[in-house]
Amino acid sequence: MIFKKKYLLLTFFLIVIIQILLITNNKQRVSLRYLKWTVKEVSIGKLISISFISCLFISTFLNTTITGYKKNTF
């Protein structure tokens, strides 16, 4: 159990460090177009970090929802 907590904590810190490096090192800017709207220029590092964090939260939410649903049905 202690090993799992240390492994999880280490993984979390590595993810945070990688995300910080992505934000600081990628200064290139890109403008996004969504249908007919143009979003102002955003750095690629911020874009990668935002997409990673949002996907992480969505997958965690779906995983806990599906796991809770399976526990209630059996």
N, C-alpha and C. Protein backbone atom coordinates (compact mmCIF):
# COMPACT_ATOMS: atom_id res chain seq x y z
N MET A 1 0.82 -1.19 0.00
CA MET A 1 0.00 0.00 0.00
C MET A 1 0.86 1.25 0.00
N ILE A 2 1.92 1.24 0.78
CA ILE A 2 2.81 2.40 0.83
C ILE A 2 3.50 2.58 -0.51
N PHE A 3 3.86 1.45 -1.16
CA PHE A 3 4.50 1.52 -2.47
C PHE A 3 3.59 2.17 -3.49
N LYS A 4 2.30 1.84 -3.46
CA LYS A 4 1.35 2.42 -4.40
C LYS A 4 1.22 3.92 -4.21
N LYS A 5 1.21 4.37 -2.96
CA LYS A 5 1.11 5.80 -2.70
C LYS A 5 2.35 6.54 -3.18
N LYS A 6 3.52 5.95 -2.95
CA LYS A 6 4.76 6.58 -3.40
C LYS A 6 4.82 6.62 -4.92
N TYR A 7 4.39 5.54 -5.56
CA TYR A 7 4.38 5.47 -7.02
C TYR A 7 3.42 6.50 -7.60
N LEU A 8 2.24 6.63 -7.00
CA LEU A 8 1.25 7.59 -7.45
C LEU A 8 1.75 9.01 -7.26
N LEU A 9 2.38 9.30 -6.13
CA LEU A 9 2.92 10.62 -5.87
C LEU A 9 4.06 10.96 -6.82
N LEU A 10 4.93 10.01 -7.08
CA LEU A 10 6.02 10.22 -8.03
C LEU A 10 5.48 10.49 -9.44
N THR A 11 4.50 9.74 -9.86
CA THR A 11 3.89 9.93 -11.16
C THR A 11 3.25 11.31 -11.26
N PHE A 12 2.56 11.71 -10.21
CA PHE A 12 1.93 13.03 -10.20
C PHE A 12 2.96 14.14 -10.33
N PHE A 13 4.05 14.06 -9.58
CA PHE A 13 5.09 15.09 -9.67
C PHE A 13 5.76 15.11 -11.04
N LEU A 14 5.97 13.96 -11.64
CA LEU A 14 6.54 13.92 -12.99
C LEU A 14 5.62 14.58 -14.01
N ILE A 15 4.34 14.32 -13.89
CA ILE A 15 3.37 14.94 -14.80
C ILE A 15 3.37 16.45 -14.63
N VAL A 16 3.40 16.91 -13.39
CA VAL A 16 3.41 18.35 -13.13
C VAL A 16 4.67 18.99 -13.70
N ILE A 17 5.82 18.37 -13.50
CA ILE A 17 7.08 18.91 -14.01
C ILE A 17 7.07 18.97 -15.54
N ILE A 18 6.59 17.91 -16.18
CA ILE A 18 6.53 17.89 -17.64
C ILE A 18 5.60 18.98 -18.16
N GLN A 19 4.46 19.17 -17.49
CA GLN A 19 3.51 20.20 -17.92
C GLN A 19 4.11 21.59 -17.76
N ILE A 20 4.84 21.82 -16.67
CA ILE A 20 5.47 23.13 -16.47
C ILE A 20 6.52 23.38 -17.55
N LEU A 21 7.30 22.34 -17.88
CA LEU A 21 8.29 22.50 -18.94
C LEU A 21 7.65 22.78 -20.28
N LEU A 22 6.52 22.14 -20.55
CA LEU A 22 5.82 22.40 -21.81
C LEU A 22 5.32 23.84 -21.90
N ILE A 23 4.82 24.35 -20.80
CA ILE A 23 4.31 25.72 -20.81
C ILE A 23 5.44 26.72 -21.00
N THR A 24 6.55 26.49 -20.31
CA THR A 24 7.63 27.48 -20.36
C THR A 24 8.46 27.40 -21.64
N ASN A 25 8.62 26.22 -22.23
CA ASN A 25 9.52 26.07 -23.37
C ASN A 25 8.86 26.26 -24.72
N ASN A 26 7.58 26.09 -24.82
CA ASN A 26 6.90 26.24 -26.11
C ASN A 26 6.27 27.62 -26.21
N LYS A 27 7.01 28.53 -26.80
CA LYS A 27 6.54 29.91 -26.93
C LYS A 27 5.89 30.18 -28.29
N GLN A 28 5.87 29.20 -29.18
CA GLN A 28 5.23 29.41 -30.47
C GLN A 28 3.75 29.66 -30.26
N ARG A 29 3.21 30.54 -31.07
CA ARG A 29 1.79 30.86 -30.95
C ARG A 29 1.03 30.31 -32.14
N VAL A 30 -0.21 29.94 -31.88
CA VAL A 30 -1.07 29.41 -32.92
C VAL A 30 -2.47 30.00 -32.73
N SER A 31 -3.14 30.31 -33.82
CA SER A 31 -4.52 30.78 -33.71
C SER A 31 -5.43 29.63 -34.14
N LEU A 32 -6.44 29.41 -33.36
CA LEU A 32 -7.36 28.30 -33.61
C LEU A 32 -8.62 28.81 -34.29
N ARG A 33 -9.16 27.99 -35.14
CA ARG A 33 -10.43 28.31 -35.79
C ARG A 33 -11.42 27.21 -35.46
N TYR A 34 -12.55 27.62 -34.95
CA TYR A 34 -13.63 26.70 -34.61
C TYR A 34 -14.86 27.15 -35.39
N LEU A 35 -15.20 26.36 -36.40
CA LEU A 35 -16.23 26.71 -37.36
C LEU A 35 -15.90 28.08 -37.97
N LYS A 36 -16.66 29.11 -37.65
CA LYS A 36 -16.34 30.41 -38.25
C LYS A 36 -15.69 31.37 -37.26
N TRP A 37 -15.50 30.95 -36.01
CA TRP A 37 -14.87 31.80 -35.02
C TRP A 37 -13.37 31.58 -35.00
N THR A 38 -12.64 32.64 -34.78
CA THR A 38 -11.19 32.56 -34.65
C THR A 38 -10.83 32.92 -33.21
N VAL A 39 -10.18 32.00 -32.54
CA VAL A 39 -9.75 32.23 -31.17
C VAL A 39 -8.42 32.97 -31.22
N LYS A 40 -8.19 33.87 -30.27
CA LYS A 40 -6.94 34.62 -30.27
C LYS A 40 -5.76 33.66 -30.14
N GLU A 41 -4.60 34.15 -30.43
CA GLU A 41 -3.41 33.31 -30.45
C GLU A 41 -3.08 32.79 -29.05
N VAL A 42 -2.79 31.50 -29.00
CA VAL A 42 -2.47 30.82 -27.75
C VAL A 42 -1.15 30.09 -27.96
N SER A 43 -0.32 30.02 -26.91
CA SER A 43 0.93 29.30 -27.06
C SER A 43 0.66 27.79 -27.10
N ILE A 44 1.49 27.08 -27.79
CA ILE A 44 1.30 25.64 -27.96
C ILE A 44 1.45 24.92 -26.62
N GLY A 45 2.35 25.39 -25.76
CA GLY A 45 2.52 24.78 -24.44
C GLY A 45 1.26 24.85 -23.61
N LYS A 46 0.59 26.02 -23.62
CA LYS A 46 -0.67 26.15 -22.89
C LYS A 46 -1.73 25.26 -23.48
N LEU A 47 -1.78 25.17 -24.78
CA LEU A 47 -2.77 24.35 -25.46
C LEU A 47 -2.60 22.87 -25.10
N ILE A 48 -1.36 22.40 -25.09
CA ILE A 48 -1.09 21.00 -24.73
C ILE A 48 -1.46 20.75 -23.27
N SER A 49 -1.11 21.68 -22.39
CA SER A 49 -1.40 21.50 -20.96
C SER A 49 -2.90 21.51 -20.69
N ILE A 50 -3.62 22.43 -21.32
CA ILE A 50 -5.07 22.49 -21.12
C ILE A 50 -5.74 21.22 -21.62
N SER A 51 -5.33 20.74 -22.78
CA SER A 51 -5.95 19.53 -23.32
C SER A 51 -5.61 18.31 -22.46
N PHE A 52 -4.39 18.22 -21.95
CA PHE A 52 -4.02 17.09 -21.10
C PHE A 52 -4.81 17.09 -19.80
N ILE A 53 -4.88 18.24 -19.15
CA ILE A 53 -5.57 18.32 -17.86
C ILE A 53 -7.07 18.07 -18.03
N SER A 54 -7.68 18.61 -19.07
CA SER A 54 -9.11 18.39 -19.28
C SER A 54 -9.39 16.92 -19.59
N CYS A 55 -8.56 16.28 -20.38
CA CYS A 55 -8.75 14.86 -20.67
C CYS A 55 -8.54 14.01 -19.44
N LEU A 56 -7.59 14.39 -18.59
CA LEU A 56 -7.36 13.66 -17.35
C LEU A 56 -8.58 13.72 -16.44
N PHE A 57 -9.17 14.92 -16.29
CA PHE A 57 -10.36 15.05 -15.45
C PHE A 57 -11.56 14.32 -16.04
N ILE A 58 -11.74 14.40 -17.34
CA ILE A 58 -12.87 13.72 -17.97
C ILE A 58 -12.73 12.20 -17.84
N SER A 59 -11.53 11.67 -18.08
CA SER A 59 -11.35 10.22 -17.97
C SER A 59 -11.50 9.75 -16.53
N THR A 60 -11.04 10.55 -15.57
CA THR A 60 -11.22 10.18 -14.16
C THR A 60 -12.70 10.18 -13.79
N PHE A 61 -13.43 11.19 -14.23
CA PHE A 61 -14.86 11.26 -13.96
C PHE A 61 -15.60 10.07 -14.57
N LEU A 62 -15.30 9.76 -15.83
CA LEU A 62 -15.96 8.63 -16.48
C LEU A 62 -15.60 7.31 -15.83
N ASN A 63 -14.35 7.17 -15.43
CA ASN A 63 -13.92 5.94 -14.79
C ASN A 63 -14.63 5.73 -13.45
N THR A 64 -14.74 6.77 -12.64
CA THR A 64 -15.43 6.63 -11.35
C THR A 64 -16.93 6.42 -11.55
N THR A 65 -17.51 7.04 -12.56
CA THR A 65 -18.93 6.87 -12.84
C THR A 65 -19.23 5.44 -13.28
N ILE A 66 -18.42 4.93 -14.19
CA ILE A 66 -18.65 3.57 -14.69
C ILE A 66 -18.39 2.55 -13.60
N THR A 67 -17.35 2.75 -12.81
CA THR A 67 -17.05 1.83 -11.71
C THR A 67 -18.17 1.84 -10.68
N GLY A 68 -18.71 3.01 -10.36
CA GLY A 68 -19.83 3.11 -9.43
C GLY A 68 -21.07 2.45 -9.98
N TYR A 69 -21.29 2.57 -11.28
CA TYR A 69 -22.45 1.94 -11.91
C TYR A 69 -22.34 0.43 -11.87
N LYS A 70 -21.13 -0.10 -12.11
CA LYS A 70 -20.94 -1.54 -12.09
C LYS A 70 -21.11 -2.10 -10.69
N LYS A 71 -20.68 -1.39 -9.66
CA LYS A 71 -20.82 -1.86 -8.28
C LYS A 71 -22.29 -1.89 -7.88
N ASN A 72 -23.09 -0.97 -8.35
CA ASN A 72 -24.50 -0.91 -8.00
C ASN A 72 -25.33 -1.98 -8.71
N THR A 73 -24.89 -2.44 -9.87
CA THR A 73 -25.69 -3.41 -10.62
C THR A 73 -25.46 -4.84 -10.15
N PHE A 74 -24.33 -5.13 -9.52
CA PHE A 74 -24.09 -6.51 -9.11
C PHE A 74 -24.35 -6.72 -7.67
